[in-house]
Amino acid sequence: MAVKHTPTSEIHSGTKGGHTGCGFDTKLHPDHWVNSSQKITCGKNGCKN
């Protein structure tokens, strides 16, 4: 599953309401995150690997 950070348009591994693969908490600003089926674009450990 992937989740998109709308202010930056970056796609992370993870789901809305949890944490991304690289450690962002999507519950802090839930309006900034949407579930997505797009290709992951985050290059940080946990998302890319």
Protein backbone atom coordinates (compact mmCIF):
# COMPACT_ATOMS: atom_id res chain seq x y z
CA MET A 1 0.00 0.00 0.00
CA ALA A 2 1.13 3.54 -0.64
CA VAL A 3 0.21 6.88 0.86
CA LYS A 4 0.64 10.31 -0.78
CA HIS A 5 1.78 13.44 1.06
CA THR A 6 -0.33 16.07 -0.68
CA PRO A 7 1.81 19.20 0.09
CA THR A 8 4.90 17.62 -1.52
CA SER A 9 3.21 15.05 -3.84
CA GLU A 10 5.67 12.45 -2.54
CA ILE A 11 4.47 8.83 -2.44
CA HIS A 12 5.51 6.78 0.62
CA SER A 13 5.13 3.15 1.63
CA GLY A 14 2.43 2.78 4.30
CA THR A 15 -1.19 3.65 4.96
CA LYS A 16 -3.16 6.67 6.11
CA GLY A 17 -3.74 6.56 9.87
CA GLY A 18 -0.43 4.86 10.63
CA HIS A 19 3.23 5.36 9.81
CA THR A 20 5.09 5.46 6.52
CA GLY A 21 7.97 3.09 5.86
CA CYS A 22 10.47 5.88 6.57
CA GLY A 23 8.82 6.89 9.85
CA PHE A 24 6.36 9.74 9.21
CA ASP A 25 3.25 9.61 11.43
CA THR A 26 0.28 10.14 9.10
CA LYS A 27 -2.01 10.82 12.09
CA LEU A 28 -0.31 14.16 12.92
CA HIS A 29 -1.76 16.01 9.90
CA PRO A 30 -4.31 13.58 8.44
CA ASP A 31 -5.52 16.13 5.88
CA HIS A 32 -2.02 16.04 4.30
CA TRP A 33 -2.19 12.29 3.54
CA VAL A 34 -4.27 10.23 1.10
CA ASN A 35 -4.11 6.52 0.27
CA SER A 36 -2.71 5.95 -3.20
CA SER A 37 -1.95 3.20 -5.69
CA GLN A 38 0.83 5.21 -7.36
CA LYS A 39 4.49 4.14 -7.51
CA ILE A 40 6.50 5.00 -4.37
CA THR A 41 8.74 8.02 -4.96
CA CYS A 42 10.28 8.40 -1.49
CA GLY A 43 13.96 7.41 -1.58
CA LYS A 44 14.45 7.02 2.18
CA ASN A 45 15.14 3.68 3.89
CA GLY A 46 11.92 1.87 4.70
CA CYS A 47 9.98 3.28 1.77
CA LYS A 48 12.30 2.57 -1.13
CA ASN A 49 13.78 -0.70 0.19
